[in-house]
Amino acid sequence: MAEEEEEYDQGVVVCDASIGTHWWWATGSAAQLGWGIFSFKRGYSGQCNLMPLRAFGVASLFVGAGASASIAALKASGIHKVEDLMEVGANIRNALGVRPRRARDE
């Protein structure tokens, strides 16, 4: 894996070694999703007053899996900053022939 270098405004060169981090996010997402499905299929056997806590835990696993998967997709596609995402949105709007968005304070 080649390491990329980025230059910032102050002239500091930082080595970006986080090229393969999207695999960690994807693995974490898959693990959370698998654990959530396993917990959901297993059901609940225990005290009935703890059932809402168990349901919240299983729902949190599904929400966490979705969040981890979206982070993995963003990192894999090379989007690391908000400005990168705004640039992608502008490119999509240009490709569709839609007028560019204006700031609200203009």
N, C-alpha and C. Protein backbone atom coordinates (compact mmCIF):
# COMPACT_ATOMS: atom_id res chain seq x y z
N MET A 1 0.83 -1.18 0.00
CA MET A 1 0.00 0.00 0.00
C MET A 1 0.87 1.24 0.00
N ALA A 2 0.59 2.10 -0.89
CA ALA A 2 1.34 3.35 -0.96
C ALA A 2 0.75 4.35 0.02
N GLU A 3 1.60 5.16 0.60
CA GLU A 3 1.15 6.17 1.53
C GLU A 3 0.99 7.49 0.80
N GLU A 4 -0.14 8.15 1.07
CA GLU A 4 -0.40 9.44 0.44
C GLU A 4 0.05 10.55 1.36
N GLU A 5 0.44 11.66 0.77
CA GLU A 5 0.84 12.81 1.56
C GLU A 5 -0.08 13.97 1.22
N GLU A 6 -0.50 14.72 2.25
CA GLU A 6 -1.34 15.88 2.05
C GLU A 6 -0.62 17.10 2.61
N GLU A 7 -0.73 18.22 1.91
CA GLU A 7 -0.14 19.46 2.42
C GLU A 7 -1.25 20.34 2.95
N TYR A 8 -1.03 20.94 4.09
CA TYR A 8 -1.99 21.85 4.69
C TYR A 8 -1.51 23.28 4.55
N ASP A 9 -2.37 24.24 4.92
CA ASP A 9 -2.08 25.66 4.73
C ASP A 9 -0.82 26.11 5.45
N GLN A 10 -0.53 25.54 6.61
CA GLN A 10 0.64 25.97 7.37
C GLN A 10 1.94 25.39 6.82
N GLY A 11 1.88 24.61 5.78
CA GLY A 11 3.08 24.03 5.21
C GLY A 11 3.50 22.74 5.87
N VAL A 12 2.65 22.18 6.72
CA VAL A 12 2.97 20.94 7.41
C VAL A 12 2.55 19.79 6.51
N VAL A 13 3.43 18.84 6.29
CA VAL A 13 3.12 17.68 5.49
C VAL A 13 2.81 16.52 6.43
N VAL A 14 1.64 15.96 6.25
CA VAL A 14 1.20 14.87 7.11
C VAL A 14 1.08 13.61 6.27
N CYS A 15 1.57 12.53 6.76
CA CYS A 15 1.50 11.25 6.07
C CYS A 15 0.18 10.58 6.43
N ASP A 16 -0.63 10.24 5.44
CA ASP A 16 -1.93 9.62 5.67
C ASP A 16 -1.79 8.11 5.54
N ALA A 17 -1.74 7.43 6.68
CA ALA A 17 -1.58 5.98 6.68
C ALA A 17 -2.91 5.27 6.85
N SER A 18 -4.02 5.99 6.74
CA SER A 18 -5.33 5.39 6.98
C SER A 18 -6.00 4.95 5.67
N ILE A 19 -5.23 4.40 4.76
CA ILE A 19 -5.76 4.01 3.46
C ILE A 19 -6.70 2.82 3.58
N GLY A 20 -6.36 1.84 4.40
CA GLY A 20 -7.17 0.64 4.50
C GLY A 20 -8.13 0.61 5.67
N THR A 21 -8.45 1.76 6.25
CA THR A 21 -9.31 1.74 7.43
C THR A 21 -10.75 1.40 7.11
N HIS A 22 -11.16 1.55 5.85
CA HIS A 22 -12.55 1.21 5.54
C HIS A 22 -12.81 -0.27 5.76
N TRP A 23 -11.82 -1.12 5.66
CA TRP A 23 -12.03 -2.55 5.92
C TRP A 23 -12.37 -2.79 7.39
N TRP A 24 -11.76 -2.02 8.29
CA TRP A 24 -12.09 -2.17 9.71
C TRP A 24 -13.53 -1.75 9.97
N TRP A 25 -13.96 -0.66 9.35
CA TRP A 25 -15.34 -0.20 9.53
C TRP A 25 -16.31 -1.23 8.96
N ALA A 26 -15.99 -1.79 7.81
CA ALA A 26 -16.88 -2.79 7.20
C ALA A 26 -16.94 -4.06 8.04
N THR A 27 -15.81 -4.47 8.60
CA THR A 27 -15.78 -5.65 9.46
C THR A 27 -16.60 -5.41 10.73
N GLY A 28 -16.45 -4.24 11.31
CA GLY A 28 -17.23 -3.91 12.50
C GLY A 28 -18.72 -3.87 12.21
N SER A 29 -19.08 -3.35 11.05
CA SER A 29 -20.49 -3.31 10.65
C SER A 29 -21.06 -4.72 10.48
N ALA A 30 -20.30 -5.58 9.83
CA ALA A 30 -20.76 -6.95 9.62
C ALA A 30 -20.90 -7.69 10.95
N ALA A 31 -19.95 -7.46 11.85
CA ALA A 31 -20.03 -8.11 13.17
C ALA A 31 -21.24 -7.63 13.95
N GLN A 32 -21.50 -6.32 13.93
CA GLN A 32 -22.67 -5.80 14.63
C GLN A 32 -23.96 -6.32 14.03
N LEU A 33 -24.02 -6.36 12.71
CA LEU A 33 -25.23 -6.86 12.05
C LEU A 33 -25.45 -8.34 12.37
N GLY A 34 -24.38 -9.13 12.34
CA GLY A 34 -24.50 -10.56 12.69
C GLY A 34 -24.94 -10.77 14.12
N TRP A 35 -24.37 -9.99 15.03
CA TRP A 35 -24.74 -10.10 16.45
C TRP A 35 -26.19 -9.67 16.65
N GLY A 36 -26.61 -8.63 15.94
CA GLY A 36 -28.00 -8.18 16.04
C GLY A 36 -28.98 -9.22 15.53
N ILE A 37 -28.68 -9.83 14.39
CA ILE A 37 -29.55 -10.88 13.84
C ILE A 37 -29.59 -12.08 14.77
N PHE A 38 -28.43 -12.47 15.30
CA PHE A 38 -28.37 -13.59 16.23
C PHE A 38 -29.21 -13.31 17.48
N SER A 39 -29.09 -12.11 18.02
CA SER A 39 -29.84 -11.75 19.22
C SER A 39 -31.33 -11.67 18.94
N PHE A 40 -31.69 -11.17 17.75
CA PHE A 40 -33.10 -11.06 17.39
C PHE A 40 -33.73 -12.44 17.22
N LYS A 41 -33.02 -13.36 16.55
CA LYS A 41 -33.55 -14.71 16.32
C LYS A 41 -33.63 -15.52 17.60
N ARG A 42 -32.68 -15.28 18.51
CA ARG A 42 -32.66 -16.04 19.75
C ARG A 42 -33.85 -15.71 20.63
N GLY A 43 -34.36 -14.51 20.51
CA GLY A 43 -35.52 -14.12 21.31
C GLY A 43 -35.10 -13.73 22.71
N TYR A 44 -36.05 -13.73 23.61
CA TYR A 44 -35.78 -13.32 24.98
C TYR A 44 -36.35 -14.35 25.93
N SER A 45 -35.52 -14.82 26.83
CA SER A 45 -35.98 -15.71 27.89
C SER A 45 -35.39 -15.19 29.19
N GLY A 46 -36.24 -14.69 30.03
CA GLY A 46 -35.79 -14.10 31.28
C GLY A 46 -36.90 -13.30 31.90
N GLN A 47 -36.54 -12.38 32.74
CA GLN A 47 -37.55 -11.57 33.41
C GLN A 47 -38.20 -10.61 32.42
N CYS A 48 -39.50 -10.50 32.51
CA CYS A 48 -40.24 -9.68 31.55
C CYS A 48 -39.99 -8.19 31.75
N ASN A 49 -39.57 -7.77 32.93
CA ASN A 49 -39.34 -6.34 33.14
C ASN A 49 -38.03 -5.86 32.50
N LEU A 50 -37.18 -6.76 32.05
CA LEU A 50 -35.94 -6.39 31.36
C LEU A 50 -36.08 -6.45 29.85
N MET A 51 -37.26 -6.80 29.35
CA MET A 51 -37.48 -6.92 27.91
C MET A 51 -37.22 -5.60 27.16
N PRO A 52 -37.67 -4.42 27.66
CA PRO A 52 -37.37 -3.18 26.93
C PRO A 52 -35.87 -2.91 26.80
N LEU A 53 -35.11 -3.26 27.82
CA LEU A 53 -33.66 -3.07 27.76
C LEU A 53 -33.05 -3.96 26.68
N ARG A 54 -33.51 -5.18 26.61
CA ARG A 54 -33.01 -6.10 25.59
C ARG A 54 -33.39 -5.61 24.19
N ALA A 55 -34.62 -5.14 24.02
CA ALA A 55 -35.06 -4.63 22.72
C ALA A 55 -34.23 -3.42 22.32
N PHE A 56 -33.93 -2.54 23.27
CA PHE A 56 -33.11 -1.37 22.97
C PHE A 56 -31.70 -1.79 22.56
N GLY A 57 -31.15 -2.80 23.22
CA GLY A 57 -29.82 -3.28 22.88
C GLY A 57 -29.76 -3.86 21.47
N VAL A 58 -30.77 -4.64 21.09
CA VAL A 58 -30.79 -5.23 19.75
C VAL A 58 -30.97 -4.14 18.70
N ALA A 59 -31.86 -3.16 18.97
CA ALA A 59 -32.05 -2.06 18.03
C ALA A 59 -30.77 -1.25 17.89
N SER A 60 -30.04 -1.06 18.99
CA SER A 60 -28.78 -0.32 18.93
C SER A 60 -27.75 -1.04 18.07
N LEU A 61 -27.76 -2.36 18.08
CA LEU A 61 -26.85 -3.11 17.22
C LEU A 61 -27.16 -2.86 15.75
N PHE A 62 -28.44 -2.84 15.39
CA PHE A 62 -28.81 -2.60 14.00
C PHE A 62 -28.47 -1.17 13.57
N VAL A 63 -28.73 -0.19 14.43
CA VAL A 63 -28.41 1.20 14.11
C VAL A 63 -26.89 1.38 13.99
N GLY A 64 -26.14 0.77 14.91
CA GLY A 64 -24.68 0.85 14.87
C GLY A 64 -24.11 0.20 13.62
N ALA A 65 -24.72 -0.91 13.19
CA ALA A 65 -24.26 -1.58 11.98
C ALA A 65 -24.48 -0.69 10.76
N GLY A 66 -25.62 -0.02 10.72
CA GLY A 66 -25.89 0.90 9.60
C GLY A 66 -24.93 2.08 9.58
N ALA A 67 -24.65 2.63 10.75
CA ALA A 67 -23.73 3.76 10.84
C ALA A 67 -22.31 3.34 10.44
N SER A 68 -21.87 2.19 10.91
CA SER A 68 -20.53 1.70 10.55
C SER A 68 -20.42 1.42 9.06
N ALA A 69 -21.48 0.88 8.48
CA ALA A 69 -21.46 0.60 7.04
C ALA A 69 -21.40 1.89 6.23
N SER A 70 -22.10 2.93 6.68
CA SER A 70 -22.05 4.19 5.94
C SER A 70 -20.68 4.85 6.05
N ILE A 71 -20.04 4.77 7.21
CA ILE A 71 -18.68 5.30 7.37
C ILE A 71 -17.71 4.52 6.47
N ALA A 72 -17.88 3.20 6.42
CA ALA A 72 -17.02 2.38 5.56
C ALA A 72 -17.18 2.76 4.10
N ALA A 73 -18.42 3.02 3.68
CA ALA A 73 -18.66 3.40 2.29
C ALA A 73 -18.03 4.75 1.97
N LEU A 74 -18.15 5.70 2.91
CA LEU A 74 -17.54 7.01 2.68
C LEU A 74 -16.02 6.92 2.61
N LYS A 75 -15.42 6.17 3.52
CA LYS A 75 -13.96 6.05 3.53
C LYS A 75 -13.47 5.30 2.29
N ALA A 76 -14.20 4.28 1.86
CA ALA A 76 -13.78 3.52 0.69
C ALA A 76 -13.87 4.35 -0.58
N SER A 77 -14.81 5.29 -0.64
CA SER A 77 -14.96 6.10 -1.84
C SER A 77 -14.07 7.33 -1.83
N GLY A 78 -13.28 7.52 -0.77
CA GLY A 78 -12.33 8.61 -0.73
C GLY A 78 -12.86 9.90 -0.15
N ILE A 79 -14.02 9.85 0.46
CA ILE A 79 -14.60 11.05 1.08
C ILE A 79 -14.16 11.08 2.53
N HIS A 80 -13.30 12.05 2.86
CA HIS A 80 -12.75 12.13 4.21
C HIS A 80 -13.17 13.39 4.94
N LYS A 81 -13.59 14.41 4.21
CA LYS A 81 -13.98 15.68 4.82
C LYS A 81 -15.34 16.10 4.29
N VAL A 82 -15.97 17.03 4.98
CA VAL A 82 -17.27 17.54 4.55
C VAL A 82 -17.14 18.22 3.19
N GLU A 83 -16.03 18.89 2.95
CA GLU A 83 -15.83 19.55 1.67
C GLU A 83 -15.82 18.55 0.52
N ASP A 84 -15.25 17.36 0.76
CA ASP A 84 -15.25 16.32 -0.27
C ASP A 84 -16.69 15.89 -0.60
N LEU A 85 -17.51 15.76 0.42
CA LEU A 85 -18.90 15.35 0.22
C LEU A 85 -19.68 16.44 -0.51
N MET A 86 -19.41 17.70 -0.18
CA MET A 86 -20.07 18.81 -0.88
C MET A 86 -19.66 18.86 -2.34
N GLU A 87 -18.40 18.55 -2.63
CA GLU A 87 -17.93 18.52 -4.01
C GLU A 87 -18.61 17.40 -4.80
N VAL A 88 -18.78 16.24 -4.17
CA VAL A 88 -19.47 15.13 -4.83
C VAL A 88 -20.92 15.52 -5.13
N GLY A 89 -21.57 16.18 -4.16
CA GLY A 89 -22.94 16.63 -4.38
C GLY A 89 -23.04 17.62 -5.52
N ALA A 90 -22.09 18.55 -5.60
CA ALA A 90 -22.09 19.53 -6.69
C ALA A 90 -21.88 18.84 -8.04
N ASN A 91 -21.01 17.83 -8.08
CA ASN A 91 -20.77 17.10 -9.32
C ASN A 91 -22.02 16.34 -9.76
N ILE A 92 -22.74 15.78 -8.81
CA ILE A 92 -23.98 15.06 -9.14
C ILE A 92 -25.02 16.03 -9.68
N ARG A 93 -25.13 17.19 -9.03
CA ARG A 93 -26.09 18.20 -9.49
C ARG A 93 -25.74 18.68 -10.91
N ASN A 94 -24.45 18.88 -11.19
CA ASN A 94 -24.04 19.29 -12.53
C ASN A 94 -24.37 18.22 -13.56
N ALA A 95 -24.14 16.95 -13.19
CA ALA A 95 -24.40 15.86 -14.13
C ALA A 95 -25.90 15.74 -14.43
N LEU A 96 -26.74 16.07 -13.46
CA LEU A 96 -28.19 15.99 -13.67
C LEU A 96 -28.75 17.25 -14.32
N GLY A 97 -27.93 18.29 -14.41
CA GLY A 97 -28.39 19.52 -15.01
C GLY A 97 -29.22 20.39 -14.07
N VAL A 98 -29.06 20.20 -12.77
CA VAL A 98 -29.79 20.98 -11.78
C VAL A 98 -28.96 22.20 -11.41
N ARG A 99 -29.65 23.33 -11.17
CA ARG A 99 -28.93 24.55 -10.79
C ARG A 99 -28.17 24.34 -9.50
N PRO A 100 -27.02 25.00 -9.35
CA PRO A 100 -26.27 24.88 -8.10
C PRO A 100 -27.02 25.51 -6.94
N ARG A 101 -26.80 24.97 -5.75
CA ARG A 101 -27.48 25.48 -4.57
C ARG A 101 -26.83 26.79 -4.12
N ARG A 102 -27.65 27.67 -3.56
CA ARG A 102 -27.15 28.93 -3.05
C ARG A 102 -27.16 28.87 -1.52
N ALA A 103 -26.27 29.64 -0.91
CA ALA A 103 -26.26 29.75 0.54
C ALA A 103 -27.50 30.52 0.98
N ARG A 104 -28.00 30.24 2.16
CA ARG A 104 -29.23 30.88 2.65
C ARG A 104 -29.05 32.35 2.97
N ASP A 105 -27.84 32.75 3.34
CA ASP A 105 -27.64 34.13 3.75
C ASP A 105 -27.42 35.07 2.57
N GLU A 106 -27.45 34.59 1.35
CA GLU A 106 -27.25 35.48 0.18
C GLU A 106 -28.50 36.22 -0.16
